[in-house]
N, C-alpha and C. Protein backbone atom coordinates (compact mmCIF):
# COMPACT_ATOMS: atom_id res chain seq x y z
N MET A 1 93.80 3.18 73.26
CA MET A 1 95.20 3.14 72.84
C MET A 1 95.31 3.82 71.48
N HIS A 2 96.32 4.66 71.31
CA HIS A 2 96.41 5.51 70.13
C HIS A 2 97.85 5.60 69.66
N ALA A 3 98.02 5.67 68.33
CA ALA A 3 99.37 5.80 67.76
C ALA A 3 99.82 7.25 67.88
N THR A 4 100.44 7.58 69.02
CA THR A 4 100.85 8.96 69.28
C THR A 4 102.13 9.28 68.52
N LYS A 5 102.11 10.36 67.75
CA LYS A 5 103.30 10.86 67.07
C LYS A 5 103.06 12.32 66.72
N LEU A 6 104.14 13.04 66.40
CA LEU A 6 104.02 14.48 66.17
C LEU A 6 103.02 14.81 65.08
N GLU A 7 102.99 14.01 64.01
CA GLU A 7 102.08 14.30 62.90
C GLU A 7 100.62 14.25 63.31
N ASN A 8 100.31 13.58 64.41
CA ASN A 8 98.92 13.45 64.85
C ASN A 8 98.54 14.50 65.90
N LEU A 9 99.43 15.42 66.20
CA LEU A 9 99.13 16.50 67.14
C LEU A 9 98.94 17.79 66.35
N LEU A 10 97.72 18.27 66.30
CA LEU A 10 97.38 19.46 65.53
C LEU A 10 96.94 20.58 66.46
N LEU A 11 96.90 21.80 65.93
CA LEU A 11 96.41 22.95 66.69
C LEU A 11 95.10 23.43 66.10
N ASP A 12 94.13 23.75 66.97
CA ASP A 12 92.90 24.36 66.47
C ASP A 12 93.14 25.86 66.28
N LYS A 13 92.12 26.58 65.86
CA LYS A 13 92.28 28.00 65.52
C LYS A 13 92.65 28.85 66.74
N ASP A 14 92.42 28.33 67.94
CA ASP A 14 92.75 29.07 69.16
C ASP A 14 94.10 28.66 69.76
N GLY A 15 94.77 27.68 69.14
CA GLY A 15 96.08 27.25 69.61
C GLY A 15 96.06 26.05 70.55
N HIS A 16 94.87 25.47 70.78
CA HIS A 16 94.78 24.30 71.64
C HIS A 16 95.09 23.03 70.84
N ILE A 17 95.73 22.08 71.48
CA ILE A 17 96.13 20.84 70.80
C ILE A 17 94.92 19.93 70.57
N LYS A 18 94.86 19.37 69.37
CA LYS A 18 93.87 18.37 69.02
C LYS A 18 94.60 17.11 68.55
N ILE A 19 94.16 15.96 69.01
CA ILE A 19 94.77 14.70 68.59
C ILE A 19 93.99 14.16 67.40
N ALA A 20 94.70 13.79 66.33
CA ALA A 20 94.06 13.31 65.11
C ALA A 20 94.45 11.87 64.81
N ASP A 21 93.75 11.28 63.85
CA ASP A 21 94.05 9.95 63.31
C ASP A 21 93.86 8.85 64.35
N PHE A 22 92.62 8.42 64.50
CA PHE A 22 92.30 7.32 65.42
C PHE A 22 92.02 6.02 64.64
N GLY A 23 92.60 5.92 63.43
CA GLY A 23 92.34 4.75 62.60
C GLY A 23 92.80 3.44 63.21
N LEU A 24 93.88 3.47 64.01
CA LEU A 24 94.41 2.26 64.63
C LEU A 24 94.12 2.22 66.13
N CYS A 25 93.21 3.07 66.57
CA CYS A 25 92.93 3.20 68.01
C CYS A 25 92.14 2.00 68.53
N LYS A 26 92.52 1.54 69.72
CA LYS A 26 91.75 0.51 70.42
C LYS A 26 91.09 1.15 71.63
N GLU A 27 89.79 0.90 71.80
CA GLU A 27 89.04 1.53 72.88
C GLU A 27 88.85 0.57 74.05
N ASP A 28 88.53 1.17 75.20
CA ASP A 28 88.17 0.42 76.41
C ASP A 28 89.28 -0.53 76.87
N ILE A 29 90.53 -0.08 76.79
CA ILE A 29 91.65 -0.87 77.29
C ILE A 29 91.93 -0.42 78.72
N SER A 30 91.67 -1.28 79.68
CA SER A 30 91.88 -0.95 81.09
C SER A 30 93.20 -1.55 81.58
N PHE A 31 93.58 -1.19 82.80
CA PHE A 31 94.81 -1.72 83.37
C PHE A 31 94.72 -3.24 83.46
N GLY A 32 95.71 -3.93 82.92
CA GLY A 32 95.72 -5.39 82.91
C GLY A 32 95.21 -5.99 81.63
N ASP A 33 94.47 -5.22 80.81
CA ASP A 33 94.00 -5.73 79.52
C ASP A 33 95.19 -5.83 78.56
N ARG A 34 95.09 -6.79 77.64
CA ARG A 34 96.19 -7.02 76.71
C ARG A 34 95.67 -7.08 75.28
N THR A 35 96.55 -6.77 74.34
CA THR A 35 96.26 -6.93 72.93
C THR A 35 97.56 -7.35 72.25
N SER A 36 97.49 -7.73 70.97
CA SER A 36 98.70 -8.25 70.32
C SER A 36 98.87 -7.75 68.89
N THR A 37 98.08 -6.76 68.47
CA THR A 37 98.18 -6.25 67.11
C THR A 37 99.53 -5.58 66.88
N PHE A 38 100.22 -5.96 65.81
CA PHE A 38 101.50 -5.33 65.48
C PHE A 38 101.22 -4.21 64.48
N CYS A 39 101.20 -2.97 64.96
CA CYS A 39 100.91 -1.84 64.08
C CYS A 39 101.51 -0.58 64.68
N GLY A 40 101.67 0.43 63.84
CA GLY A 40 102.21 1.70 64.30
C GLY A 40 103.38 2.16 63.44
N THR A 41 103.81 3.39 63.68
CA THR A 41 104.96 3.96 62.98
C THR A 41 106.24 3.42 63.61
N PRO A 42 107.18 2.89 62.81
CA PRO A 42 108.36 2.21 63.37
C PRO A 42 109.09 2.99 64.45
N GLU A 43 109.31 4.30 64.25
CA GLU A 43 110.09 5.08 65.21
C GLU A 43 109.41 5.23 66.57
N TYR A 44 108.11 4.95 66.62
CA TYR A 44 107.36 5.16 67.86
C TYR A 44 106.93 3.86 68.53
N LEU A 45 107.34 2.73 67.97
CA LEU A 45 106.93 1.44 68.54
C LEU A 45 107.64 1.19 69.87
N ALA A 46 106.88 0.71 70.84
CA ALA A 46 107.44 0.38 72.15
C ALA A 46 108.16 -0.96 72.09
N PRO A 47 109.14 -1.19 72.97
CA PRO A 47 109.89 -2.46 72.96
C PRO A 47 109.00 -3.69 73.05
N GLU A 48 107.94 -3.62 73.88
CA GLU A 48 107.09 -4.80 74.05
C GLU A 48 106.33 -5.15 72.78
N VAL A 49 106.07 -4.16 71.91
CA VAL A 49 105.42 -4.44 70.63
C VAL A 49 106.40 -5.17 69.72
N LEU A 50 107.65 -4.74 69.72
CA LEU A 50 108.68 -5.36 68.88
C LEU A 50 108.98 -6.79 69.33
N GLU A 51 108.77 -7.08 70.60
CA GLU A 51 109.00 -8.43 71.11
C GLU A 51 107.92 -9.40 70.67
N ASP A 52 106.90 -8.87 69.99
CA ASP A 52 105.81 -9.70 69.46
C ASP A 52 105.07 -10.42 70.58
N ASN A 53 104.95 -9.76 71.73
CA ASN A 53 104.19 -10.30 72.85
C ASN A 53 102.91 -9.50 73.03
N ASP A 54 101.99 -10.04 73.83
CA ASP A 54 100.83 -9.25 74.20
C ASP A 54 101.29 -8.03 74.99
N TYR A 55 100.61 -6.91 74.82
CA TYR A 55 101.01 -5.70 75.52
C TYR A 55 99.79 -4.93 76.00
N GLY A 56 100.01 -4.00 76.91
CA GLY A 56 98.91 -3.23 77.49
C GLY A 56 99.00 -1.76 77.12
N ARG A 57 98.26 -0.95 77.85
CA ARG A 57 98.15 0.47 77.51
C ARG A 57 99.43 1.24 77.81
N GLN A 58 100.42 0.58 78.41
CA GLN A 58 101.70 1.25 78.66
C GLN A 58 102.38 1.70 77.37
N VAL A 59 102.02 1.06 76.24
CA VAL A 59 102.63 1.47 74.96
C VAL A 59 102.32 2.93 74.64
N ASP A 60 101.16 3.42 75.10
CA ASP A 60 100.81 4.82 74.85
C ASP A 60 101.79 5.76 75.53
N TRP A 61 102.21 5.41 76.75
CA TRP A 61 103.12 6.29 77.47
C TRP A 61 104.52 6.25 76.88
N TRP A 62 104.89 5.15 76.27
CA TRP A 62 106.14 5.12 75.51
C TRP A 62 106.04 6.12 74.35
N GLY A 63 104.93 6.09 73.62
CA GLY A 63 104.73 7.02 72.51
C GLY A 63 104.77 8.47 72.97
N VAL A 64 104.15 8.75 74.11
CA VAL A 64 104.20 10.10 74.67
C VAL A 64 105.64 10.49 74.98
N GLY A 65 106.41 9.54 75.51
CA GLY A 65 107.81 9.80 75.80
C GLY A 65 108.60 10.15 74.55
N VAL A 66 108.36 9.43 73.46
CA VAL A 66 109.05 9.71 72.20
C VAL A 66 108.71 11.11 71.70
N VAL A 67 107.42 11.46 71.74
CA VAL A 67 106.98 12.78 71.28
C VAL A 67 107.58 13.89 72.13
N LEU A 68 107.55 13.72 73.46
CA LEU A 68 108.12 14.74 74.34
C LEU A 68 109.63 14.87 74.13
N TYR A 69 110.30 13.75 73.88
CA TYR A 69 111.74 13.79 73.60
C TYR A 69 111.99 14.62 72.33
N GLU A 70 111.19 14.37 71.29
CA GLU A 70 111.33 15.15 70.06
C GLU A 70 111.13 16.64 70.31
N MET A 71 110.11 16.97 71.10
CA MET A 71 109.81 18.37 71.38
C MET A 71 110.93 19.05 72.15
N MET A 72 111.53 18.33 73.09
CA MET A 72 112.56 18.93 73.94
C MET A 72 113.95 18.88 73.32
N CYS A 73 114.22 17.84 72.54
CA CYS A 73 115.58 17.62 72.04
C CYS A 73 115.73 17.89 70.54
N GLY A 74 114.60 17.98 69.83
CA GLY A 74 114.66 18.25 68.39
C GLY A 74 115.01 17.06 67.54
N ARG A 75 114.96 15.88 68.09
CA ARG A 75 115.25 14.66 67.33
C ARG A 75 114.59 13.48 68.03
N LEU A 76 114.56 12.35 67.34
CA LEU A 76 114.02 11.13 67.93
C LEU A 76 115.01 10.53 68.93
N PRO A 77 114.53 9.85 69.96
CA PRO A 77 115.44 9.22 70.92
C PRO A 77 116.21 8.06 70.31
N PHE A 78 115.58 7.35 69.38
CA PHE A 78 116.22 6.22 68.70
C PHE A 78 115.89 6.33 67.22
N TYR A 79 116.92 6.32 66.36
CA TYR A 79 116.63 6.45 64.93
C TYR A 79 117.71 5.80 64.08
N SER A 80 117.26 5.16 63.02
CA SER A 80 118.13 4.65 61.97
C SER A 80 117.26 4.43 60.73
N LYS A 81 117.82 4.70 59.55
CA LYS A 81 117.09 4.44 58.31
C LYS A 81 116.84 2.94 58.14
N ASP A 82 117.74 2.15 58.69
CA ASP A 82 117.62 0.69 58.65
C ASP A 82 116.69 0.26 59.78
N HIS A 83 115.53 -0.29 59.43
CA HIS A 83 114.54 -0.65 60.45
C HIS A 83 115.07 -1.72 61.41
N LYS A 84 115.90 -2.61 60.92
CA LYS A 84 116.46 -3.63 61.81
C LYS A 84 117.32 -2.97 62.88
N LYS A 85 118.14 -2.01 62.46
CA LYS A 85 118.98 -1.29 63.40
C LYS A 85 118.13 -0.41 64.32
N LEU A 86 117.09 0.21 63.76
CA LEU A 86 116.19 1.04 64.56
C LEU A 86 115.55 0.23 65.67
N PHE A 87 115.03 -0.94 65.33
CA PHE A 87 114.37 -1.78 66.33
C PHE A 87 115.36 -2.25 67.40
N GLU A 88 116.60 -2.50 66.98
CA GLU A 88 117.63 -2.90 67.95
C GLU A 88 117.90 -1.76 68.93
N LEU A 89 117.94 -0.54 68.43
CA LEU A 89 118.16 0.63 69.30
C LEU A 89 117.01 0.80 70.28
N ILE A 90 115.78 0.62 69.79
CA ILE A 90 114.61 0.74 70.67
C ILE A 90 114.67 -0.31 71.77
N MET A 91 115.12 -1.50 71.43
CA MET A 91 115.15 -2.61 72.38
C MET A 91 116.26 -2.46 73.42
N ILE A 92 117.46 -2.06 72.99
CA ILE A 92 118.60 -2.09 73.91
C ILE A 92 119.39 -0.78 73.96
N GLY A 93 119.03 0.20 73.13
CA GLY A 93 119.78 1.45 73.08
C GLY A 93 119.61 2.28 74.35
N GLU A 94 120.63 3.06 74.68
CA GLU A 94 120.60 3.93 75.85
C GLU A 94 120.15 5.34 75.45
N LEU A 95 119.39 5.97 76.34
CA LEU A 95 118.95 7.34 76.11
C LEU A 95 120.12 8.31 76.29
N ARG A 96 120.17 9.31 75.42
CA ARG A 96 121.17 10.36 75.56
C ARG A 96 120.44 11.70 75.54
N PHE A 97 120.85 12.60 76.42
CA PHE A 97 120.17 13.89 76.55
C PHE A 97 121.14 15.04 76.30
N PRO A 98 120.66 16.10 75.66
CA PRO A 98 121.49 17.31 75.56
C PRO A 98 121.64 17.95 76.94
N SER A 99 122.74 18.64 77.15
CA SER A 99 123.04 19.20 78.47
C SER A 99 122.04 20.28 78.89
N LYS A 100 121.32 20.86 77.93
CA LYS A 100 120.41 21.96 78.25
C LYS A 100 119.16 21.51 79.01
N LEU A 101 118.86 20.21 78.99
CA LEU A 101 117.64 19.73 79.64
C LEU A 101 117.75 19.83 81.15
N SER A 102 116.63 20.20 81.78
CA SER A 102 116.59 20.28 83.24
C SER A 102 116.56 18.88 83.84
N PRO A 103 116.94 18.73 85.10
CA PRO A 103 116.86 17.42 85.76
C PRO A 103 115.44 16.86 85.74
N GLU A 104 114.44 17.73 85.89
CA GLU A 104 113.04 17.26 85.88
C GLU A 104 112.67 16.71 84.51
N ALA A 105 113.13 17.37 83.44
CA ALA A 105 112.83 16.91 82.09
C ALA A 105 113.50 15.56 81.82
N LYS A 106 114.76 15.44 82.22
CA LYS A 106 115.47 14.17 82.02
C LYS A 106 114.80 13.04 82.79
N ASN A 107 114.36 13.33 84.00
CA ASN A 107 113.71 12.31 84.83
C ASN A 107 112.39 11.89 84.22
N LEU A 108 111.63 12.85 83.68
CA LEU A 108 110.35 12.54 83.05
C LEU A 108 110.55 11.65 81.83
N LEU A 109 111.47 12.04 80.94
CA LEU A 109 111.71 11.27 79.73
C LEU A 109 112.26 9.89 80.05
N THR A 110 113.15 9.82 81.01
CA THR A 110 113.70 8.52 81.42
C THR A 110 112.59 7.60 81.92
N GLY A 111 111.66 8.15 82.69
CA GLY A 111 110.56 7.34 83.21
C GLY A 111 109.61 6.86 82.14
N LEU A 112 109.34 7.71 81.16
CA LEU A 112 108.42 7.33 80.08
C LEU A 112 109.05 6.34 79.10
N LEU A 113 110.36 6.39 78.95
CA LEU A 113 111.05 5.55 77.97
C LEU A 113 111.79 4.38 78.62
N VAL A 114 111.23 3.88 79.71
CA VAL A 114 111.74 2.66 80.34
C VAL A 114 111.37 1.47 79.46
N LYS A 115 112.32 0.58 79.21
CA LYS A 115 112.07 -0.56 78.33
C LYS A 115 111.02 -1.51 78.91
N ASP A 116 111.06 -1.72 80.22
CA ASP A 116 110.13 -2.63 80.89
C ASP A 116 108.81 -1.89 81.13
N PRO A 117 107.72 -2.30 80.46
CA PRO A 117 106.45 -1.57 80.61
C PRO A 117 105.90 -1.57 82.03
N THR A 118 106.24 -2.58 82.82
CA THR A 118 105.73 -2.62 84.20
C THR A 118 106.41 -1.58 85.08
N GLN A 119 107.58 -1.11 84.66
CA GLN A 119 108.32 -0.10 85.42
C GLN A 119 108.20 1.29 84.80
N ARG A 120 107.50 1.39 83.71
CA ARG A 120 107.38 2.66 82.98
C ARG A 120 106.49 3.65 83.72
N LEU A 121 106.83 4.92 83.67
CA LEU A 121 105.99 5.96 84.26
C LEU A 121 104.62 5.93 83.59
N GLY A 122 103.56 5.82 84.39
CA GLY A 122 102.22 5.70 83.86
C GLY A 122 101.79 4.26 83.63
N GLY A 123 102.70 3.32 83.88
CA GLY A 123 102.42 1.91 83.61
C GLY A 123 101.65 1.21 84.70
N GLY A 124 101.43 1.86 85.83
CA GLY A 124 100.69 1.25 86.94
C GLY A 124 99.20 1.51 86.86
N PRO A 125 98.46 1.09 87.86
CA PRO A 125 97.00 1.27 87.86
C PRO A 125 96.57 2.73 87.89
N ASP A 126 97.45 3.63 88.36
CA ASP A 126 97.11 5.06 88.40
C ASP A 126 97.20 5.72 87.04
N ASP A 127 97.81 5.04 86.08
CA ASP A 127 97.84 5.49 84.69
C ASP A 127 98.35 6.93 84.57
N ALA A 128 97.58 7.81 83.96
CA ALA A 128 98.02 9.18 83.67
C ALA A 128 98.33 9.99 84.91
N LEU A 129 97.73 9.63 86.04
CA LEU A 129 97.96 10.38 87.28
C LEU A 129 99.43 10.38 87.67
N GLU A 130 100.13 9.26 87.40
CA GLU A 130 101.55 9.20 87.70
C GLU A 130 102.32 10.26 86.93
N ILE A 131 101.86 10.56 85.73
CA ILE A 131 102.56 11.51 84.87
C ILE A 131 102.19 12.95 85.22
N THR A 132 100.91 13.21 85.41
CA THR A 132 100.48 14.58 85.71
C THR A 132 101.03 15.07 87.04
N GLN A 133 101.35 14.14 87.94
CA GLN A 133 101.89 14.52 89.25
C GLN A 133 103.43 14.61 89.26
N HIS A 134 104.05 14.38 88.11
CA HIS A 134 105.51 14.46 88.03
C HIS A 134 105.97 15.90 88.24
N ASP A 135 107.15 16.06 88.82
CA ASP A 135 107.69 17.39 89.13
C ASP A 135 107.79 18.29 87.89
N PHE A 136 108.01 17.69 86.73
CA PHE A 136 108.14 18.48 85.50
C PHE A 136 106.87 19.29 85.24
N PHE A 137 105.71 18.72 85.61
CA PHE A 137 104.43 19.38 85.34
C PHE A 137 103.89 20.15 86.55
N ALA A 138 104.74 20.40 87.54
CA ALA A 138 104.29 21.08 88.75
C ALA A 138 103.60 22.42 88.48
N PRO A 139 104.04 23.22 87.49
CA PRO A 139 103.39 24.51 87.25
C PRO A 139 102.02 24.40 86.56
N ILE A 140 101.65 23.21 86.10
CA ILE A 140 100.43 23.07 85.30
C ILE A 140 99.21 22.86 86.18
N ASP A 141 98.18 23.66 85.95
CA ASP A 141 96.86 23.44 86.55
C ASP A 141 96.07 22.61 85.54
N TRP A 142 96.00 21.32 85.77
CA TRP A 142 95.42 20.41 84.78
C TRP A 142 93.94 20.66 84.52
N GLN A 143 93.20 21.07 85.54
CA GLN A 143 91.78 21.34 85.34
C GLN A 143 91.58 22.55 84.44
N LYS A 144 92.39 23.59 84.65
CA LYS A 144 92.30 24.76 83.78
C LYS A 144 92.72 24.41 82.36
N LEU A 145 93.74 23.56 82.24
CA LEU A 145 94.19 23.14 80.92
C LEU A 145 93.08 22.37 80.21
N TYR A 146 92.43 21.47 80.93
CA TYR A 146 91.33 20.68 80.37
C TYR A 146 90.18 21.59 79.93
N ASN A 147 89.92 22.63 80.71
CA ASN A 147 88.82 23.56 80.40
C ASN A 147 89.21 24.63 79.39
N LYS A 148 90.43 24.55 78.86
CA LYS A 148 90.95 25.52 77.89
C LYS A 148 90.96 26.93 78.47
N GLU A 149 91.30 27.04 79.74
CA GLU A 149 91.36 28.34 80.41
C GLU A 149 92.78 28.89 80.46
N ILE A 150 93.75 28.13 79.95
CA ILE A 150 95.13 28.58 79.89
C ILE A 150 95.42 29.09 78.48
N GLU A 151 95.94 30.30 78.39
CA GLU A 151 96.23 30.90 77.08
C GLU A 151 97.36 30.13 76.39
N PRO A 152 97.13 29.58 75.19
CA PRO A 152 98.19 28.86 74.48
C PRO A 152 99.34 29.80 74.14
N PRO A 153 100.57 29.29 74.13
CA PRO A 153 101.73 30.14 73.81
C PRO A 153 101.77 30.57 72.35
N PHE A 154 101.05 29.86 71.49
CA PHE A 154 101.01 30.21 70.07
C PHE A 154 99.59 30.08 69.56
N LYS A 155 99.12 31.10 68.86
CA LYS A 155 97.78 31.07 68.29
C LYS A 155 97.90 31.29 66.79
N PRO A 156 97.46 30.33 65.97
CA PRO A 156 97.57 30.47 64.52
C PRO A 156 96.81 31.70 64.01
N LEU A 157 97.39 32.39 63.05
CA LEU A 157 96.73 33.54 62.43
C LEU A 157 95.95 33.04 61.22
N VAL A 158 94.70 32.69 61.44
CA VAL A 158 93.86 32.16 60.38
C VAL A 158 92.62 33.02 60.23
N THR A 159 92.04 33.01 59.03
CA THR A 159 90.86 33.82 58.76
C THR A 159 89.57 33.05 58.95
N SER A 160 89.66 31.72 58.95
CA SER A 160 88.46 30.90 59.12
C SER A 160 88.89 29.50 59.51
N GLU A 161 87.91 28.64 59.81
CA GLU A 161 88.22 27.26 60.19
C GLU A 161 88.76 26.46 59.02
N THR A 162 88.59 26.95 57.81
CA THR A 162 89.06 26.21 56.63
C THR A 162 90.28 26.88 55.99
N ASP A 163 90.90 27.82 56.69
CA ASP A 163 92.11 28.48 56.20
C ASP A 163 93.25 27.47 56.14
N THR A 164 93.84 27.31 54.96
CA THR A 164 94.90 26.31 54.76
C THR A 164 96.29 26.93 54.66
N SER A 165 96.45 28.17 55.12
CA SER A 165 97.73 28.86 54.94
C SER A 165 98.87 28.19 55.70
N TYR A 166 98.57 27.39 56.73
CA TYR A 166 99.61 26.69 57.48
C TYR A 166 99.89 25.30 56.91
N PHE A 167 99.17 24.91 55.87
CA PHE A 167 99.41 23.63 55.23
C PHE A 167 100.55 23.77 54.23
N ASP A 168 101.36 22.74 54.10
CA ASP A 168 102.46 22.77 53.15
C ASP A 168 101.92 22.88 51.73
N LYS A 169 102.52 23.78 50.93
CA LYS A 169 102.05 23.98 49.56
C LYS A 169 102.24 22.73 48.70
N GLU A 170 103.09 21.83 49.16
CA GLU A 170 103.26 20.56 48.44
C GLU A 170 101.93 19.85 48.29
N PHE A 171 101.06 20.02 49.30
CA PHE A 171 99.77 19.34 49.29
C PHE A 171 98.65 20.24 48.76
N THR A 172 98.67 21.52 49.13
CA THR A 172 97.58 22.40 48.69
C THR A 172 97.67 22.73 47.21
N SER A 173 98.83 22.53 46.59
CA SER A 173 98.98 22.82 45.16
C SER A 173 98.62 21.63 44.28
N GLU A 174 98.31 20.50 44.89
CA GLU A 174 97.95 19.32 44.10
C GLU A 174 96.61 19.53 43.40
N ALA A 175 96.47 18.95 42.24
CA ALA A 175 95.22 19.06 41.49
C ALA A 175 94.09 18.36 42.24
N VAL A 176 92.92 18.97 42.20
CA VAL A 176 91.76 18.40 42.87
C VAL A 176 91.16 17.30 42.01
N GLN A 177 90.90 16.17 42.60
CA GLN A 177 90.28 15.06 41.89
C GLN A 177 88.98 14.70 42.59
N LEU A 178 87.89 14.79 41.84
CA LEU A 178 86.59 14.44 42.40
C LEU A 178 86.34 12.95 42.22
N THR A 179 85.88 12.32 43.26
CA THR A 179 85.54 10.90 43.21
C THR A 179 84.03 10.76 43.19
N PRO A 180 83.45 10.39 42.05
CA PRO A 180 81.98 10.26 41.99
C PRO A 180 81.50 9.17 42.93
N PRO A 181 80.27 9.30 43.43
CA PRO A 181 79.72 8.24 44.28
C PRO A 181 79.50 6.98 43.47
N PRO A 182 79.53 5.81 44.11
CA PRO A 182 79.29 4.56 43.38
C PRO A 182 77.89 4.53 42.80
N ALA A 183 77.73 3.80 41.70
CA ALA A 183 76.43 3.70 41.05
C ALA A 183 75.38 3.20 42.02
N ARG A 184 74.18 3.82 41.94
CA ARG A 184 73.04 3.43 42.77
C ARG A 184 73.38 3.54 44.26
N ALA A 185 74.08 4.62 44.60
CA ALA A 185 74.47 4.80 46.00
C ALA A 185 73.32 5.27 46.87
N GLY A 186 72.23 5.71 46.23
CA GLY A 186 71.09 6.18 47.02
C GLY A 186 70.51 7.43 46.41
N PRO A 187 69.34 7.87 46.87
CA PRO A 187 68.69 9.06 46.32
C PRO A 187 69.56 10.30 46.49
N LEU A 188 69.81 11.01 45.40
CA LEU A 188 70.64 12.20 45.46
C LEU A 188 69.97 13.34 46.21
N ALA A 189 68.65 13.33 46.27
CA ALA A 189 67.94 14.41 46.94
C ALA A 189 68.32 14.52 48.40
N THR A 190 68.74 13.40 48.99
CA THR A 190 69.05 13.41 50.42
C THR A 190 70.37 14.10 50.73
N VAL A 191 71.23 14.25 49.70
CA VAL A 191 72.54 14.86 49.94
C VAL A 191 72.69 16.22 49.27
N THR A 192 71.75 16.59 48.40
CA THR A 192 71.88 17.85 47.66
C THR A 192 72.00 19.04 48.59
N GLU A 193 71.15 19.12 49.61
CA GLU A 193 71.18 20.25 50.54
C GLU A 193 72.51 20.32 51.28
N GLU A 194 73.03 19.16 51.68
CA GLU A 194 74.32 19.13 52.37
C GLU A 194 75.44 19.60 51.45
N LEU A 195 75.39 19.19 50.18
CA LEU A 195 76.41 19.61 49.22
C LEU A 195 76.39 21.12 49.02
N GLU A 196 75.20 21.69 48.95
CA GLU A 196 75.10 23.13 48.77
C GLU A 196 75.68 23.88 49.97
N ASP A 197 75.42 23.37 51.16
CA ASP A 197 75.96 24.00 52.37
C ASP A 197 77.48 23.92 52.41
N MET A 198 78.01 22.83 51.87
CA MET A 198 79.46 22.62 51.91
C MET A 198 80.22 23.54 50.97
N GLN A 199 79.55 24.11 49.96
CA GLN A 199 80.25 24.95 48.99
C GLN A 199 80.95 26.13 49.65
N ASN A 200 80.36 26.67 50.74
CA ASN A 200 80.95 27.82 51.43
C ASN A 200 82.29 27.49 52.08
N ASN A 201 82.55 26.19 52.27
CA ASN A 201 83.81 25.79 52.90
C ASN A 201 85.00 25.80 51.94
N PHE A 202 84.71 26.02 50.64
CA PHE A 202 85.77 25.91 49.64
C PHE A 202 85.97 27.20 48.85
N VAL A 203 85.64 28.34 49.48
CA VAL A 203 85.74 29.61 48.76
C VAL A 203 87.18 29.96 48.42
N GLN A 204 88.15 29.43 49.16
CA GLN A 204 89.56 29.75 48.89
C GLN A 204 90.20 28.81 47.88
N PHE A 205 89.46 27.82 47.42
CA PHE A 205 90.01 26.87 46.47
C PHE A 205 89.86 27.42 45.05
N SER A 206 90.81 27.08 44.19
CA SER A 206 90.78 27.59 42.82
C SER A 206 89.78 26.85 41.94
N PHE A 207 89.32 25.68 42.39
CA PHE A 207 88.37 24.89 41.60
C PHE A 207 87.06 24.77 42.35
N HIS A 208 85.96 25.00 41.65
CA HIS A 208 84.64 24.85 42.24
C HIS A 208 83.78 24.02 41.30
N GLN A 209 83.10 23.04 41.85
CA GLN A 209 82.19 22.20 41.07
C GLN A 209 80.79 22.46 41.57
N HIS A 210 79.94 22.94 40.70
CA HIS A 210 78.58 23.26 41.13
C HIS A 210 77.83 21.99 41.50
N VAL A 211 76.93 22.11 42.46
CA VAL A 211 76.18 20.95 42.94
C VAL A 211 75.41 20.30 41.81
N ASN A 212 74.85 21.09 40.90
CA ASN A 212 74.09 20.52 39.79
C ASN A 212 74.96 19.62 38.93
N SER A 213 76.23 20.01 38.73
CA SER A 213 77.13 19.19 37.93
C SER A 213 77.42 17.87 38.63
N LEU A 214 77.58 17.93 39.94
CA LEU A 214 77.80 16.70 40.70
C LEU A 214 76.60 15.77 40.57
N ARG A 215 75.41 16.37 40.65
CA ARG A 215 74.20 15.56 40.56
C ARG A 215 74.08 14.93 39.18
N GLU A 216 74.35 15.73 38.14
CA GLU A 216 74.23 15.22 36.77
C GLU A 216 75.22 14.09 36.51
N ASN A 217 76.45 14.26 36.99
CA ASN A 217 77.46 13.20 36.79
C ASN A 217 77.05 11.91 37.47
N ALA A 218 76.51 12.03 38.66
CA ALA A 218 76.10 10.84 39.39
C ALA A 218 74.90 10.17 38.74
N GLU A 219 73.95 11.01 38.24
CA GLU A 219 72.76 10.44 37.60
C GLU A 219 73.12 9.67 36.34
N MET A 220 74.16 10.14 35.63
CA MET A 220 74.60 9.45 34.42
C MET A 220 75.15 8.06 34.73
N MET A 221 75.66 7.90 35.94
CA MET A 221 76.23 6.61 36.33
C MET A 221 75.17 5.63 36.77
N GLU A 222 73.99 6.11 37.14
CA GLU A 222 72.95 5.22 37.64
C GLU A 222 72.19 4.54 36.50
């Protein structure tokens, strides 16, 4: 189970989607298994989570529905700055679609954003198979997609795996702050070689700290 939202969907250098941030992920959740942790981004919380009841893996398909709605409609299906109002909309609000959406798209989103998790698309024992077999995805060859044999519609123009040109300058312009290792963290010799190898990953950064300086600073703390 994973907190699915747009911010956690990234593109690799070839344009294939990568899912990030598994900090709140629960593993090995099978059909019928339940959990009760209240966590996640408010706009993406499923109704059953807000009801403060035990819930199953159907919450993931609600999150997928919210993300797909954003991608197709350009906005969240339910939104308010007031969290109390937001949660009320998630619980009882009706879906509204722009007229440009195809019948297949509307049917897919409606199925994923069903309030009752037992009736939600993907909520049965077949799980993802219910979704991949939906008419909306009829043109997709899922095996080729899994094997990365389908050319992505957009490929980032990057010079290396560490190219940050697509990152917002709000973050890349921040001052670099080095966090020294805790005192007596272990023999520095074991990490020196790794630190030297890592220097090549930061050639585009305006600040460089030589490995020897890092070692000296840490030794002073021991």
